[in-house]
Amino acid sequence: MNDDLPDAVKKCLDILDENLEILSNIEFDLNDEKHDKLVPGMKLHHLYDMSNDVAESEKIRRAESKLMRRQSEGF
């Protein structure tokens, strides 16, 4: 039974690793829905600023996802 424990832990970590990005993406999508609202009559420079914010936010999300993946691999 003790020999099976490391294998079971490895299987659990593999499953977590496979699904970590999916779970992370679901969380981000749910949070994004709260902030994705366009206001009528916006000026062009506001839309430009919004597009820059979205690009920066996506870079941060990717970096966070990669960090979580590296941390999960370290265990």
N, C-alpha and C. Protein backbone atom coordinates (compact mmCIF):
# COMPACT_ATOMS: atom_id res chain seq x y z
N MET A 1 0.82 -1.19 0.00
CA MET A 1 0.00 0.00 0.00
C MET A 1 0.86 1.25 0.00
N ASN A 2 1.98 1.24 0.74
CA ASN A 2 2.86 2.41 0.76
C ASN A 2 3.51 2.65 -0.59
N ASP A 3 3.71 1.58 -1.36
CA ASP A 3 4.31 1.73 -2.69
C ASP A 3 3.34 2.41 -3.65
N ASP A 4 2.06 2.27 -3.41
CA ASP A 4 1.06 2.86 -4.29
C ASP A 4 0.88 4.35 -4.05
N LEU A 5 1.24 4.84 -2.88
CA LEU A 5 1.02 6.24 -2.54
C LEU A 5 1.79 7.19 -3.46
N PRO A 6 3.09 7.01 -3.70
CA PRO A 6 3.78 7.93 -4.62
C PRO A 6 3.18 7.93 -6.03
N ASP A 7 2.74 6.75 -6.49
CA ASP A 7 2.11 6.69 -7.81
C ASP A 7 0.79 7.44 -7.83
N ALA A 8 0.01 7.32 -6.76
CA ALA A 8 -1.27 8.02 -6.68
C ALA A 8 -1.05 9.53 -6.63
N VAL A 9 -0.05 9.97 -5.88
CA VAL A 9 0.26 11.40 -5.79
C VAL A 9 0.71 11.91 -7.16
N LYS A 10 1.55 11.14 -7.85
CA LYS A 10 2.01 11.55 -9.18
C LYS A 10 0.85 11.65 -10.14
N LYS A 11 -0.09 10.71 -10.09
CA LYS A 11 -1.26 10.76 -10.97
C LYS A 11 -2.10 12.00 -10.67
N CYS A 12 -2.28 12.31 -9.39
CA CYS A 12 -3.04 13.51 -9.01
C CYS A 12 -2.37 14.77 -9.52
N LEU A 13 -1.05 14.84 -9.38
CA LEU A 13 -0.32 16.02 -9.86
C LEU A 13 -0.40 16.13 -11.38
N ASP A 14 -0.35 15.00 -12.08
CA ASP A 14 -0.48 15.02 -13.54
C ASP A 14 -1.85 15.53 -13.96
N ILE A 15 -2.90 15.06 -13.26
CA ILE A 15 -4.25 15.51 -13.57
C ILE A 15 -4.38 17.01 -13.30
N LEU A 16 -3.84 17.45 -12.18
CA LEU A 16 -3.88 18.88 -11.84
C LEU A 16 -3.14 19.70 -12.89
N ASP A 17 -1.99 19.24 -13.29
CA ASP A 17 -1.19 19.95 -14.29
C ASP A 17 -1.94 20.06 -15.62
N GLU A 18 -2.62 18.98 -16.02
CA GLU A 18 -3.36 18.98 -17.27
C GLU A 18 -4.53 19.96 -17.23
N ASN A 19 -5.12 20.14 -16.07
CA ASN A 19 -6.33 20.95 -15.97
C ASN A 19 -6.10 22.33 -15.39
N LEU A 20 -4.89 22.62 -14.96
CA LEU A 20 -4.60 23.91 -14.34
C LEU A 20 -4.88 25.08 -15.28
N GLU A 21 -4.44 24.98 -16.50
CA GLU A 21 -4.65 26.07 -17.46
C GLU A 21 -6.14 26.24 -17.77
N ILE A 22 -6.86 25.14 -17.90
CA ILE A 22 -8.29 25.22 -18.18
C ILE A 22 -9.01 25.91 -17.03
N LEU A 23 -8.70 25.51 -15.80
CA LEU A 23 -9.34 26.13 -14.64
C LEU A 23 -8.98 27.60 -14.53
N SER A 24 -7.73 27.91 -14.81
CA SER A 24 -7.28 29.29 -14.76
C SER A 24 -8.01 30.13 -15.80
N ASN A 25 -8.16 29.61 -17.00
CA ASN A 25 -8.86 30.33 -18.07
C ASN A 25 -10.33 30.56 -17.72
N ILE A 26 -10.97 29.56 -17.10
CA ILE A 26 -12.36 29.72 -16.69
C ILE A 26 -12.48 30.83 -15.66
N GLU A 27 -11.56 30.84 -14.70
CA GLU A 27 -11.58 31.89 -13.68
C GLU A 27 -11.43 33.27 -14.30
N PHE A 28 -10.47 33.41 -15.21
CA PHE A 28 -10.25 34.71 -15.86
C PHE A 28 -11.46 35.12 -16.70
N ASP A 29 -12.06 34.16 -17.41
CA ASP A 29 -13.23 34.48 -18.22
C ASP A 29 -14.38 34.98 -17.36
N LEU A 30 -14.59 34.35 -16.22
CA LEU A 30 -15.66 34.77 -15.33
C LEU A 30 -15.39 36.17 -14.79
N ASN A 31 -14.15 36.46 -14.45
CA ASN A 31 -13.81 37.79 -13.97
C ASN A 31 -13.92 38.84 -15.07
N ASP A 32 -13.57 38.46 -16.29
CA ASP A 32 -13.64 39.40 -17.41
C ASP A 32 -15.06 39.81 -17.74
N GLU A 33 -16.00 38.89 -17.57
CA GLU A 33 -17.40 39.21 -17.88
C GLU A 33 -17.89 40.40 -17.06
N LYS A 34 -17.35 40.55 -15.86
CA LYS A 34 -17.76 41.66 -15.00
C LYS A 34 -17.27 43.00 -15.54
N HIS A 35 -16.15 42.98 -16.29
CA HIS A 35 -15.52 44.23 -16.73
C HIS A 35 -15.72 44.54 -18.20
N ASP A 36 -16.32 43.62 -18.95
CA ASP A 36 -16.48 43.79 -20.40
C ASP A 36 -17.77 44.53 -20.72
N LYS A 37 -17.74 45.83 -20.56
CA LYS A 37 -18.92 46.64 -20.87
C LYS A 37 -18.46 47.83 -21.71
N LEU A 38 -19.11 48.00 -22.83
CA LEU A 38 -18.83 49.16 -23.67
C LEU A 38 -19.87 50.24 -23.36
N VAL A 39 -19.40 51.43 -23.28
CA VAL A 39 -20.27 52.57 -23.02
C VAL A 39 -20.53 53.27 -24.35
N PRO A 40 -21.79 53.51 -24.69
CA PRO A 40 -22.06 54.19 -25.97
C PRO A 40 -21.46 55.60 -25.99
N GLY A 41 -21.05 56.00 -27.16
CA GLY A 41 -20.53 57.35 -27.33
C GLY A 41 -19.09 57.53 -26.89
N MET A 42 -18.34 56.45 -26.83
CA MET A 42 -16.93 56.58 -26.42
C MET A 42 -16.12 57.21 -27.53
N LYS A 43 -15.14 57.96 -27.15
CA LYS A 43 -14.23 58.59 -28.11
C LYS A 43 -13.20 57.56 -28.56
N LEU A 44 -12.58 57.82 -29.68
CA LEU A 44 -11.60 56.92 -30.26
C LEU A 44 -10.43 56.69 -29.30
N HIS A 45 -9.96 57.71 -28.63
CA HIS A 45 -8.82 57.54 -27.74
C HIS A 45 -9.19 56.65 -26.53
N HIS A 46 -10.46 56.66 -26.11
CA HIS A 46 -10.88 55.77 -25.03
C HIS A 46 -10.85 54.31 -25.49
N LEU A 47 -11.30 54.07 -26.73
CA LEU A 47 -11.25 52.71 -27.28
C LEU A 47 -9.81 52.23 -27.43
N TYR A 48 -8.94 53.14 -27.86
CA TYR A 48 -7.53 52.80 -28.00
C TYR A 48 -6.94 52.44 -26.64
N ASP A 49 -7.25 53.23 -25.62
CA ASP A 49 -6.76 52.93 -24.27
C ASP A 49 -7.29 51.60 -23.77
N MET A 50 -8.55 51.32 -24.07
CA MET A 50 -9.13 50.03 -23.66
C MET A 50 -8.41 48.87 -24.33
N SER A 51 -8.10 49.02 -25.61
CA SER A 51 -7.42 47.93 -26.32
C SER A 51 -6.01 47.70 -25.75
N ASN A 52 -5.33 48.77 -25.36
CA ASN A 52 -4.03 48.62 -24.72
C ASN A 52 -4.16 47.93 -23.36
N ASP A 53 -5.19 48.29 -22.61
CA ASP A 53 -5.43 47.66 -21.31
C ASP A 53 -5.70 46.17 -21.46
N VAL A 54 -6.47 45.81 -22.48
CA VAL A 54 -6.77 44.40 -22.72
C VAL A 54 -5.50 43.64 -23.07
N ALA A 55 -4.66 44.22 -23.90
CA ALA A 55 -3.41 43.56 -24.29
C ALA A 55 -2.50 43.37 -23.08
N GLU A 56 -2.38 44.39 -22.25
CA GLU A 56 -1.55 44.27 -21.05
C GLU A 56 -2.13 43.24 -20.08
N SER A 57 -3.43 43.23 -19.94
CA SER A 57 -4.09 42.28 -19.05
C SER A 57 -3.84 40.85 -19.52
N GLU A 58 -3.89 40.63 -20.82
CA GLU A 58 -3.65 39.29 -21.36
C GLU A 58 -2.20 38.86 -21.11
N LYS A 59 -1.27 39.77 -21.23
CA LYS A 59 0.13 39.44 -20.95
C LYS A 59 0.30 39.05 -19.48
N ILE A 60 -0.36 39.77 -18.60
CA ILE A 60 -0.29 39.46 -17.16
C ILE A 60 -0.91 38.09 -16.90
N ARG A 61 -2.04 37.81 -17.52
CA ARG A 61 -2.70 36.50 -17.34
C ARG A 61 -1.80 35.37 -17.78
N ARG A 62 -1.17 35.53 -18.93
CA ARG A 62 -0.26 34.48 -19.42
C ARG A 62 0.90 34.28 -18.46
N ALA A 63 1.44 35.37 -17.96
CA ALA A 63 2.55 35.28 -17.01
C ALA A 63 2.11 34.59 -15.72
N GLU A 64 0.92 34.92 -15.23
CA GLU A 64 0.40 34.28 -14.02
C GLU A 64 0.18 32.79 -14.25
N SER A 65 -0.35 32.45 -15.42
CA SER A 65 -0.60 31.05 -15.74
C SER A 65 0.71 30.27 -15.80
N LYS A 66 1.73 30.85 -16.43
CA LYS A 66 3.03 30.19 -16.51
C LYS A 66 3.66 30.05 -15.12
N LEU A 67 3.49 31.05 -14.28
CA LEU A 67 4.02 30.99 -12.92
C LEU A 67 3.33 29.86 -12.14
N MET A 68 2.01 29.77 -12.24
CA MET A 68 1.28 28.71 -11.55
C MET A 68 1.73 27.34 -12.04
N ARG A 69 1.95 27.22 -13.34
CA ARG A 69 2.40 25.94 -13.90
C ARG A 69 3.78 25.57 -13.37
N ARG A 70 4.68 26.56 -13.33
CA ARG A 70 6.04 26.29 -12.82
C ARG A 70 5.98 25.91 -11.34
N GLN A 71 5.14 26.59 -10.58
CA GLN A 71 5.03 26.29 -9.15
C GLN A 71 4.44 24.91 -8.94
N SER A 72 3.48 24.50 -9.76
CA SER A 72 2.89 23.17 -9.60
C SER A 72 3.89 22.08 -9.98
N GLU A 73 4.78 22.38 -10.92
CA GLU A 73 5.80 21.41 -11.30
C GLU A 73 6.87 21.26 -10.23
N GLY A 74 7.03 22.28 -9.41
CA GLY A 74 8.06 22.25 -8.38
C GLY A 74 7.70 21.36 -7.20
N PHE A 75 6.43 21.01 -7.07
CA PHE A 75 6.00 20.19 -5.93
C PHE A 75 6.27 18.76 -6.15
